[in-house]
Amino acid sequence: MSQRTLIDARNTACPGPLMELIAGIKLIEIGDEIELLSNDPGTAGDVPTWCSKIGHKLVSKTKVDDHWSMVVSREK
């Protein structure tokens, strides 16, 4: 069963949340997930673009109150 790691990058300016995601994805196993929380508006576009370029899966992207919750699965 896959595991999920939470990265709370709220109140972190761009490109901080994406950099935290990149660092975190290196620490998890293939098939595991990271949930990234961010209220930086640029991150909502950066994460899907990065996933597409790198080959990881954007499982979900949800607006929650004042921030985004994005779940990324490590695919390789």
N, C-alpha and C. Protein backbone atom coordinates (compact mmCIF):
# COMPACT_ATOMS: atom_id res chain seq x y z
N MET A 1 0.85 -1.17 0.00
CA MET A 1 0.00 0.00 0.00
C MET A 1 0.89 1.24 0.00
N SER A 2 0.50 2.24 -0.76
CA SER A 2 1.33 3.45 -0.86
C SER A 2 1.20 4.29 0.40
N GLN A 3 2.23 5.07 0.65
CA GLN A 3 2.24 5.98 1.79
C GLN A 3 2.14 7.40 1.27
N ARG A 4 1.63 8.29 2.12
CA ARG A 4 1.51 9.69 1.74
C ARG A 4 2.26 10.55 2.76
N THR A 5 3.08 11.46 2.23
CA THR A 5 3.84 12.41 3.04
C THR A 5 3.25 13.79 2.84
N LEU A 6 3.11 14.54 3.91
CA LEU A 6 2.57 15.90 3.84
C LEU A 6 3.70 16.91 3.85
N ILE A 7 3.66 17.85 2.90
CA ILE A 7 4.57 19.00 2.90
C ILE A 7 3.70 20.24 2.99
N ASP A 8 3.79 20.93 4.11
CA ASP A 8 3.01 22.16 4.32
C ASP A 8 3.89 23.35 3.95
N ALA A 9 3.70 23.84 2.73
CA ALA A 9 4.49 24.97 2.24
C ALA A 9 3.66 26.25 2.18
N ARG A 10 2.59 26.29 2.97
CA ARG A 10 1.80 27.52 3.02
C ARG A 10 2.68 28.64 3.57
N ASN A 11 2.47 29.83 3.07
CA ASN A 11 3.24 31.02 3.45
C ASN A 11 4.69 30.95 2.99
N THR A 12 4.97 30.12 1.99
CA THR A 12 6.29 30.05 1.37
C THR A 12 6.16 30.59 -0.05
N ALA A 13 7.02 31.54 -0.39
CA ALA A 13 6.94 32.18 -1.71
C ALA A 13 7.51 31.27 -2.79
N CYS A 14 7.03 31.46 -4.00
CA CYS A 14 7.52 30.75 -5.18
C CYS A 14 9.00 31.09 -5.39
N PRO A 15 9.84 30.16 -5.68
CA PRO A 15 9.60 28.77 -6.06
C PRO A 15 9.70 27.79 -4.89
N GLY A 16 9.62 28.28 -3.66
CA GLY A 16 9.80 27.44 -2.48
C GLY A 16 8.96 26.17 -2.44
N PRO A 17 7.63 26.27 -2.64
CA PRO A 17 6.82 25.05 -2.58
C PRO A 17 7.24 23.99 -3.60
N LEU A 18 7.54 24.40 -4.81
CA LEU A 18 7.98 23.44 -5.83
C LEU A 18 9.32 22.84 -5.45
N MET A 19 10.22 23.63 -4.91
CA MET A 19 11.53 23.11 -4.49
C MET A 19 11.37 22.10 -3.36
N GLU A 20 10.44 22.37 -2.44
CA GLU A 20 10.18 21.42 -1.35
C GLU A 20 9.60 20.11 -1.90
N LEU A 21 8.73 20.22 -2.90
CA LEU A 21 8.16 19.02 -3.53
C LEU A 21 9.26 18.21 -4.22
N ILE A 22 10.13 18.88 -4.96
CA ILE A 22 11.21 18.19 -5.66
C ILE A 22 12.12 17.47 -4.67
N ALA A 23 12.46 18.13 -3.58
CA ALA A 23 13.30 17.50 -2.55
C ALA A 23 12.57 16.31 -1.92
N GLY A 24 11.29 16.48 -1.64
CA GLY A 24 10.52 15.42 -1.00
C GLY A 24 10.32 14.21 -1.88
N ILE A 25 10.11 14.42 -3.16
CA ILE A 25 9.84 13.30 -4.08
C ILE A 25 11.06 12.38 -4.18
N LYS A 26 12.24 12.92 -3.96
CA LYS A 26 13.47 12.11 -4.00
C LYS A 26 13.57 11.17 -2.80
N LEU A 27 12.82 11.46 -1.74
CA LEU A 27 12.92 10.70 -0.50
C LEU A 27 11.87 9.60 -0.37
N ILE A 28 10.92 9.55 -1.30
CA ILE A 28 9.86 8.55 -1.19
C ILE A 28 10.04 7.47 -2.25
N GLU A 29 9.34 6.36 -2.06
CA GLU A 29 9.42 5.23 -2.99
C GLU A 29 8.47 5.43 -4.17
N ILE A 30 8.74 4.75 -5.26
CA ILE A 30 7.84 4.76 -6.42
C ILE A 30 6.47 4.26 -5.96
N GLY A 31 5.43 4.98 -6.35
CA GLY A 31 4.07 4.64 -5.96
C GLY A 31 3.58 5.38 -4.73
N ASP A 32 4.51 5.93 -3.94
CA ASP A 32 4.12 6.73 -2.78
C ASP A 32 3.71 8.12 -3.23
N GLU A 33 3.05 8.85 -2.34
CA GLU A 33 2.51 10.16 -2.68
C GLU A 33 2.98 11.24 -1.73
N ILE A 34 2.98 12.46 -2.24
CA ILE A 34 3.20 13.65 -1.43
C ILE A 34 1.98 14.54 -1.59
N GLU A 35 1.48 15.02 -0.46
CA GLU A 35 0.44 16.05 -0.49
C GLU A 35 1.12 17.37 -0.18
N LEU A 36 1.06 18.29 -1.12
CA LEU A 36 1.68 19.60 -0.99
C LEU A 36 0.59 20.64 -0.72
N LEU A 37 0.74 21.39 0.36
CA LEU A 37 -0.16 22.49 0.67
C LEU A 37 0.56 23.79 0.36
N SER A 38 -0.09 24.67 -0.40
CA SER A 38 0.53 25.94 -0.78
C SER A 38 -0.53 27.00 -1.01
N ASN A 39 -0.25 28.21 -0.53
CA ASN A 39 -1.14 29.33 -0.85
C ASN A 39 -0.47 30.30 -1.82
N ASP A 40 0.63 29.90 -2.42
CA ASP A 40 1.28 30.69 -3.46
C ASP A 40 0.55 30.43 -4.78
N PRO A 41 -0.01 31.46 -5.42
CA PRO A 41 -0.81 31.24 -6.62
C PRO A 41 -0.03 30.61 -7.78
N GLY A 42 1.25 30.89 -7.89
CA GLY A 42 2.05 30.33 -8.98
C GLY A 42 2.24 28.83 -8.87
N THR A 43 2.24 28.33 -7.65
CA THR A 43 2.46 26.91 -7.43
C THR A 43 1.34 26.07 -8.04
N ALA A 44 0.13 26.60 -8.06
CA ALA A 44 -1.01 25.86 -8.62
C ALA A 44 -0.80 25.54 -10.10
N GLY A 45 -0.04 26.35 -10.80
CA GLY A 45 0.29 26.07 -12.19
C GLY A 45 1.61 25.35 -12.36
N ASP A 46 2.56 25.66 -11.46
CA ASP A 46 3.90 25.08 -11.57
C ASP A 46 3.93 23.58 -11.33
N VAL A 47 3.18 23.11 -10.33
CA VAL A 47 3.23 21.69 -9.98
C VAL A 47 2.69 20.80 -11.11
N PRO A 48 1.52 21.09 -11.70
CA PRO A 48 1.08 20.25 -12.82
C PRO A 48 2.05 20.26 -14.00
N THR A 49 2.62 21.42 -14.30
CA THR A 49 3.59 21.51 -15.40
C THR A 49 4.82 20.67 -15.10
N TRP A 50 5.34 20.76 -13.88
CA TRP A 50 6.51 19.98 -13.48
C TRP A 50 6.22 18.49 -13.55
N CYS A 51 5.05 18.07 -13.04
CA CYS A 51 4.69 16.65 -13.09
C CYS A 51 4.67 16.14 -14.52
N SER A 52 4.09 16.92 -15.40
CA SER A 52 4.00 16.53 -16.81
C SER A 52 5.38 16.40 -17.45
N LYS A 53 6.26 17.33 -17.15
CA LYS A 53 7.61 17.32 -17.73
C LYS A 53 8.46 16.18 -17.18
N ILE A 54 8.34 15.92 -15.88
CA ILE A 54 9.22 14.96 -15.21
C ILE A 54 8.68 13.53 -15.30
N GLY A 55 7.35 13.39 -15.36
CA GLY A 55 6.77 12.06 -15.47
C GLY A 55 6.14 11.53 -14.21
N HIS A 56 5.86 12.40 -13.25
CA HIS A 56 5.13 11.98 -12.06
C HIS A 56 3.65 12.28 -12.29
N LYS A 57 2.79 11.70 -11.46
CA LYS A 57 1.34 11.83 -11.66
C LYS A 57 0.74 12.82 -10.68
N LEU A 58 0.03 13.81 -11.20
CA LEU A 58 -0.75 14.71 -10.36
C LEU A 58 -2.06 14.00 -10.08
N VAL A 59 -2.20 13.49 -8.86
CA VAL A 59 -3.37 12.70 -8.48
C VAL A 59 -4.58 13.60 -8.27
N SER A 60 -4.35 14.74 -7.60
CA SER A 60 -5.45 15.68 -7.36
C SER A 60 -4.90 17.08 -7.13
N LYS A 61 -5.76 18.04 -7.41
CA LYS A 61 -5.45 19.46 -7.18
C LYS A 61 -6.76 20.09 -6.72
N THR A 62 -6.80 20.49 -5.44
CA THR A 62 -8.03 20.96 -4.84
C THR A 62 -7.81 22.28 -4.13
N LYS A 63 -8.69 23.23 -4.36
CA LYS A 63 -8.66 24.51 -3.64
C LYS A 63 -9.36 24.29 -2.31
N VAL A 64 -8.66 24.57 -1.21
CA VAL A 64 -9.20 24.40 0.13
C VAL A 64 -9.06 25.73 0.86
N ASP A 65 -10.18 26.41 1.06
CA ASP A 65 -10.17 27.72 1.73
C ASP A 65 -9.16 28.66 1.06
N ASP A 66 -8.05 28.96 1.75
CA ASP A 66 -7.08 29.94 1.25
C ASP A 66 -5.84 29.31 0.62
N HIS A 67 -5.88 28.00 0.37
CA HIS A 67 -4.69 27.35 -0.19
C HIS A 67 -5.07 26.21 -1.14
N TRP A 68 -4.06 25.69 -1.82
CA TRP A 68 -4.22 24.54 -2.70
C TRP A 68 -3.67 23.30 -2.01
N SER A 69 -4.33 22.18 -2.22
CA SER A 69 -3.83 20.87 -1.83
C SER A 69 -3.59 20.09 -3.11
N MET A 70 -2.34 19.69 -3.34
CA MET A 70 -2.00 18.93 -4.54
C MET A 70 -1.33 17.63 -4.13
N VAL A 71 -1.84 16.53 -4.64
CA VAL A 71 -1.27 15.22 -4.34
C VAL A 71 -0.53 14.73 -5.58
N VAL A 72 0.74 14.38 -5.38
CA VAL A 72 1.60 13.92 -6.46
C VAL A 72 2.10 12.52 -6.13
N SER A 73 1.98 11.62 -7.11
CA SER A 73 2.48 10.26 -6.97
C SER A 73 3.81 10.12 -7.69
N ARG A 74 4.79 9.54 -7.00
CA ARG A 74 6.09 9.30 -7.64
C ARG A 74 5.95 8.12 -8.60
N GLU A 75 6.25 8.35 -9.86
CA GLU A 75 6.05 7.33 -10.89
C GLU A 75 7.34 6.70 -11.38
N LYS A 76 8.48 7.30 -11.07
CA LYS A 76 9.74 6.71 -11.55
C LYS A 76 10.86 7.05 -10.60
